[in-house]
Every structure is written in C-alpha cells, then in structure tokens.
Amino acid sequence: MGTLFHFAYEWSGENPVVGLISPVNESVWEHMKLIFFPMVIFGLLKKDKETNTCQTSAYYAGMLTGTFLIPVVFYIYTAILGKSSLIFDILLFYVSVFIAFAISLYFSKNCLLQKYNKWLFAAVLLLMALFFVFTYAPPSLPIFMTS
C-alpha cells in the first residue's frame, strides 16, 4: 500500500486532499507518510470487537517506530555514504515496514505497552496533525526539503 501511496498524489492530478496522506514531494518528511497512513488505514480495517488495548498500543508503537526509522536511518546512511541512494531508500522503506509490523506483533503478545495506550494514541494523532499542517506549510528545515 505504501508503494502505491508514493504515486497517489501525482495520479490524483495533485489533489490537495490526497496530498494530505501521500507524498507531495521527495522530502524525507513526505516519505514518512508511506508507512504512517497505510498503517492507519490497515489498522482501521483490521480493528474489530476482538481488538484489545494490548494490540492497539502495540500497533501504535509499531506505526510510530516504522515511521521514524525512515528519517533516522536515512540521515545515518547518507552521512556515512555522503549521498542518498534510491536502492537504499527502497530497502529502507521495506525494512521499516517489516520492523513496524514485527514490533506490533511482539508487543501484542506480551502486552508491555498497554499502560501507554493513551500516550501512544496521542503521539499518533499529533503526528497525523503535523503531517496535515506541514504538507502545505513546511518549516525551513532539511527534513522538509526535497532531495
């Protein structure tokens, strides 16, 4: 789903509503949406009466971890190599997705994050709000600049 989201804004004729949940440019910040919003949608579709706070908190943790792995690993590997690489960027995306779901599965089973469910939910909502605001009004920081 994240791979499709990469092209959704362009395919939509640059629809500003689509741009809220899919990248509108090639900045690192916008590419974080490739994990975050597909996981939001997947989580909403997957949620049912059997979903408990252990699973929900674990899912939030996985979503946040996968999303923030993108800029962290991107800036580490570009500092080491001195440049970015499309192949590394694609691998980074897929590894981040895998780690996001692995964390979600791990914490779903041991229920260690249940007591943080409200904080994790607040972090997810805050990040979503920041994506919405910074899509069309980004600060002048490197993470928001196109590479």
Protein backbone atom coordinates (compact mmCIF):
# COMPACT_ATOMS: atom_id res chain seq x y z
CA MET A 1 0.00 0.00 0.00
CA GLY A 2 2.86 2.38 0.82
CA THR A 3 4.37 1.87 -2.62
CA LEU A 4 1.06 2.84 -4.24
CA PHE A 5 0.79 5.85 -1.96
CA HIS A 6 4.10 7.10 -3.36
CA PHE A 7 2.35 7.82 -6.66
CA ALA A 8 -1.17 8.62 -5.44
CA TYR A 9 -0.73 12.40 -5.33
CA GLU A 10 0.55 12.54 -8.91
CA TRP A 11 -2.09 10.08 -10.13
CA SER A 12 -4.84 12.16 -8.49
CA GLY A 13 -3.87 15.19 -10.54
CA GLU A 14 -2.19 16.67 -7.46
CA ASN A 15 -5.41 16.68 -5.47
CA PRO A 16 -4.66 18.56 -2.22
CA VAL A 17 -6.76 16.13 -0.15
CA VAL A 18 -4.79 13.15 -1.48
CA GLY A 19 -1.62 15.11 -0.70
CA LEU A 20 -2.52 15.10 2.98
CA ILE A 21 -1.90 11.34 3.16
CA SER A 22 0.59 10.72 0.35
CA PRO A 23 3.88 12.42 -0.52
CA VAL A 24 3.60 15.72 -2.37
CA ASN A 25 7.36 15.92 -2.95
CA GLU A 26 10.56 13.91 -2.49
CA SER A 27 11.43 15.18 1.00
CA VAL A 28 12.24 12.76 3.81
CA TRP A 29 9.25 14.08 5.78
CA GLU A 30 6.80 13.35 2.99
CA HIS A 31 8.20 9.83 2.59
CA MET A 32 7.39 9.10 6.22
CA LYS A 33 3.74 9.13 5.10
CA LEU A 34 4.41 5.95 3.09
CA ILE A 35 4.36 3.92 6.30
CA PHE A 36 2.19 6.04 8.55
CA PHE A 37 -1.02 6.44 6.54
CA PRO A 38 -1.19 2.94 5.05
CA MET A 39 -0.78 1.61 8.59
CA VAL A 40 -3.55 3.92 9.82
CA ILE A 41 -5.84 2.60 7.10
CA PHE A 42 -4.81 -1.02 7.67
CA GLY A 43 -5.35 -0.63 11.43
CA LEU A 44 -8.82 0.81 10.91
CA LEU A 45 -9.77 -2.01 8.54
CA LYS A 46 -8.33 -4.67 10.86
CA LYS A 47 -9.92 -3.35 14.06
CA ASP A 48 -12.91 -5.33 15.29
CA LYS A 49 -14.70 -6.21 18.51
CA GLU A 50 -11.90 -8.62 19.45
CA THR A 51 -9.17 -5.95 19.27
CA ASN A 52 -7.89 -5.11 22.75
CA THR A 53 -5.70 -2.36 24.15
CA CYS A 54 -2.65 -4.65 24.07
CA GLN A 55 -2.99 -4.96 20.32
CA THR A 56 -3.88 -1.31 19.81
CA SER A 57 -0.96 0.05 21.81
CA ALA A 58 1.40 -2.38 20.08
CA TYR A 59 0.13 -1.26 16.70
CA TYR A 60 0.63 2.41 17.57
CA ALA A 61 4.17 1.65 18.72
CA GLY A 62 4.94 -0.24 15.52
CA MET A 63 3.46 2.51 13.38
CA LEU A 64 5.47 5.23 15.12
CA THR A 65 8.70 3.22 15.12
CA GLY A 66 8.45 2.33 11.43
CA THR A 67 7.62 5.90 10.52
CA PHE A 68 10.54 7.40 12.46
CA LEU A 69 13.01 4.77 11.26
CA ILE A 70 12.86 6.36 7.83
CA PRO A 71 14.48 9.70 8.73
CA VAL A 72 16.80 8.22 11.37
CA VAL A 73 18.28 5.56 9.09
CA PHE A 74 18.20 7.86 6.04
CA TYR A 75 20.32 10.51 7.76
CA ILE A 76 22.71 7.92 9.19
CA TYR A 77 23.35 6.17 5.89
CA THR A 78 23.63 9.43 3.91
CA ALA A 79 26.12 10.76 6.48
CA ILE A 80 28.20 7.61 6.02
CA LEU A 81 27.95 7.45 2.21
CA GLY A 82 27.89 11.19 1.63
CA LYS A 83 24.84 10.86 -0.64
CA SER A 84 21.48 9.16 -0.89
CA SER A 85 20.78 6.05 -2.92
CA LEU A 86 17.45 5.09 -4.48
CA ILE A 87 18.18 1.40 -3.83
CA PHE A 88 18.92 2.10 -0.14
CA ASP A 89 15.81 4.28 0.11
CA ILE A 90 13.61 1.50 -1.25
CA LEU A 91 15.23 -1.08 1.03
CA LEU A 92 14.85 1.31 3.97
CA PHE A 93 11.13 1.59 3.28
CA TYR A 94 10.59 -2.18 3.19
CA VAL A 95 12.78 -2.82 6.24
CA SER A 96 10.89 -0.09 8.14
CA VAL A 97 7.56 -1.69 7.24
CA PHE A 98 8.83 -5.09 8.37
CA ILE A 99 10.11 -3.66 11.67
CA ALA A 100 6.85 -1.77 12.24
CA PHE A 101 4.81 -4.97 11.96
CA ALA A 102 7.37 -7.01 13.91
CA ILE A 103 7.20 -4.56 16.81
CA SER A 104 3.43 -4.59 16.64
CA LEU A 105 3.37 -8.39 16.79
CA TYR A 106 5.94 -8.59 19.59
CA PHE A 107 4.18 -6.12 21.87
CA SER A 108 0.75 -7.56 21.06
CA LYS A 109 1.86 -10.84 22.57
CA ASN A 110 3.45 -9.53 25.77
CA CYS A 111 1.15 -6.56 26.43
CA LEU A 112 4.00 -4.41 27.79
CA LEU A 113 2.70 -1.21 26.20
CA GLN A 114 -0.94 -1.40 27.24
CA LYS A 115 -0.48 1.13 30.03
CA TYR A 116 0.87 3.62 27.47
CA ASN A 117 -2.06 3.25 25.08
CA LYS A 118 -3.38 6.80 25.58
CA TRP A 119 0.10 8.32 25.18
CA LEU A 120 0.78 6.31 22.05
CA PHE A 121 -2.61 7.29 20.63
CA ALA A 122 -1.86 10.96 21.40
CA ALA A 123 1.50 10.62 19.61
CA VAL A 124 -0.23 9.11 16.56
CA LEU A 125 -2.79 11.94 16.50
CA LEU A 126 -0.06 14.57 16.93
CA LEU A 127 2.00 13.10 14.10
CA MET A 128 -1.08 12.96 11.88
CA ALA A 129 -1.81 16.62 12.61
CA LEU A 130 1.79 17.53 11.84
CA PHE A 131 1.61 15.68 8.53
CA PHE A 132 -1.53 17.62 7.62
CA VAL A 133 -0.07 21.01 8.59
CA PHE A 134 3.45 20.51 7.24
CA THR A 135 2.28 19.10 3.91
CA TYR A 136 1.34 22.55 2.70
CA ALA A 137 3.21 24.74 5.24
CA PRO A 138 6.55 23.02 5.90
CA PRO A 139 9.19 24.67 8.09
CA SER A 140 12.55 25.55 6.51
CA LEU A 141 14.37 22.50 7.86
CA PRO A 142 16.33 19.87 5.91
CA ILE A 143 13.81 17.07 6.60
CA PHE A 144 11.17 19.06 4.68
CA MET A 145 13.39 19.87 1.69
CA THR A 146 13.35 17.79 -1.47
CA SER A 147 16.46 15.86 -2.25
